[in-house]
Every structure is written in C-alpha cells, then in structure tokens.
Amino acid sequence: MNLKVAGVLLRLLVSVACIGAMMWWVGPDLIVSHLRRVGAASFCLSALLVLLLAIPHALRWRIINQVSGADRSVGWTLRGVLLGQFFNQLLPSMIGGDVARAWYAARGGVPLAAAIRSVLIDRVCGAVVTLLLSVCVLPLWFQLPGGRPLAWTIAVLGVAGFSGLALMMVIDRLLVSRGSIEPSHALPHRVFWRLVGQVIELGPMARAALTRLLVLFYSALALAATISLFYLDARLLGLDIGPLALIMGIPPTIAIAMVPISFAGWGIREGVLIAVLHPLGVPADAALALSVLYGLTVSVAAAVAGGLSALSGGARWLSLRPRAFDDAQAKLE
C-alpha cells in the first residue's frame, strides 16, 4: 500500500470515526428527527445558496488571475470555481479542488506555474480573512461565561497562523536579497512559502490599493455568504441560533476544518462546531444536525456544480494524462 492510498484511508477513517462517535453520543434518532424538519424545497433552496457562494469566489479568483497576467471572463472563472467545489467533495483532501482548478486554468491557456500560483493565492486570501474575523471576535469570547478556554485556543491558532505567514515572508525576503531566488520567478524550485510570502504582500497587487481592497471585499463577502448559509440551515431546522453566535462560531470552524486530516472536512467540522456553539447555549444535537445539513447541502450543490461545469466545458481536464495531473498535484502539495 503506497502512501497516497494510506493517506486516503486514514482521512476516511478519521471522518467515519468522528461522525460515528458523535452520533453515538447524541443519539442518531435525535439527529434524524432534526433533519426530517427540512422539506425538499427548503433543502434545494439551501443548495442553491451554496452555488451562489461561488460568485464572489469567482470574482476574487478573476482579479488574482488578472494580476498574474491572465485576463479571463467571470464565466470562465466561475466554471473553474464550480469544478473546484465538485472535487473538494469528491476527493479526500481539500486540495483536490485546487488541483482541478489549477489544471483547468492551465488548460485554458494560463501557464501552469501562474495557474498554481493564482490558486494558492486565492486559497490563502480566503484563509487570511477567515482568521482575521476569528481574531476580531475574540473579545466577545473572553466576555462569555465558559468561553475563555475556547477564546485562548482561537487566539493561539490565530497567532500561529499569522506568525507562520510572517516568517515565510521574512525568509522569502532574505533569499531574494541574497540572490538565492530571482524576484521575478513565479514558482522557483517549488518553494511554497515564497508564494505565501507574495500573498502577504499581495505581490504585484501591492501596487494597486483598489485591487487589494476588492480581493479583501470578495473574500469577506464569500465568508459572509457562508455564515448566511449556516443561518438559513439553522432556521430550516427550527433552531434558535442567532446571527451573532454564528459570526463567532463559524469562522474558527471553517479555519480548523481546512486542516487536511479528514475526508472533505467531515467529522472535524462537526466536532469543532459542537465545541464552539456549546458555550453559546446550543445543544450538541442541534450543532451536529446543523453541521450535517450544511455538509449534505454542500455535497449536493457540489454534484450540481460538477454537472454545470462539465456541460459548460469544465470537464476538459478529464482528457489529461494522469502523469501531468499528478505533476500539478505534487506542486500544490
């Protein structure tokens, strides 16, 4: 058994074990009773909102591609984002959608190095905004009875994340100043932390304040739409969870669920959401049902997204040789 297969099985095992343990803890009958409150029309409405989430994401990725010298239409970037949503749910790692998106861009005429760079920058921009909001709501967590342990956990994760990005930027500057790396190289020696350093500075985007603001705006809009989706799902389940509770709880949940140790975030997302909503007075069964409904709507929407992308030309990547696809994935990893 090679390492890739072992990694897939391990992530699947983590997801199944976490979901199974939480179901056993709260009782599967209780979760099913929650989910039965959601009608077919309401479920389709929630899935439609997931597809709408792709619009600000596509606008952000389009700007990043423009800065990289690849000016593409909104429709073109939207197809790539939909394709990425599909493979994020189909493949065991969140990187699967990034690989598909990078290769979609490469097949669309964008140089492979620039395509990979744009996907990485797009991913990190979203993560930075998510971390920022998680840190901004920390005072609310510290004031909440029983919220201090979680507040310190979020604070440590935020400091670690931003410190890591800052360190990467410093190393990048040192190597460029010493002549070890040419500043114009987009992907030198597959050094991932150089790309992250360019994300912090926003590379060429540093020359245009409006461009930086647009990237941050679309990132914030995408995050706000995700929180709105959770709020809609809570209403569909009949749960009394206010917007403020979701603003406090969803960003750290999303940030931690990005860690590639489970299958498409399943299991980790549910556990973290239970932990962050518990100090806010949300029962474990309600938080678990909310996360499961969110996961189901995202999975259904991802299947629809894959179909829409394929019908509109996004399935061209299926004709790629496996060796070339593996090469793109190796560079992203």
Foldseek 3Di string as FASTA:
>chain_A
DDPVVVLLVQQAVLQVVLLVVLCVVVPVVLLVVLVVLFDPVLLVVLLVLLLVLLQLLLVLLQLLCVLLVHHDDSVLSSLLSLQLLLLLQVGQANCRSLLLSLVLVVVVPDPSLSSNLSSLLSVVLLLLLLLVLLLVCLVVQVPFVVSVVVSVVSVVVSCVVVVLLVVLLVVLVVCCVVVVDPLPDSQPPLPVSNSSNCSVCVPSCVVPPVSVVSSNVSSVVSVVSVLVSLVSLCVSSVHDDDSVLSSNQVSVLVNQLNPSRHGSSRSSSLVSQLVSCVSVPDHSSSSNSSVVSSVVSSNVSSVVSNVVSVVVPSCPCVPDDPVVSVVSSVSSD
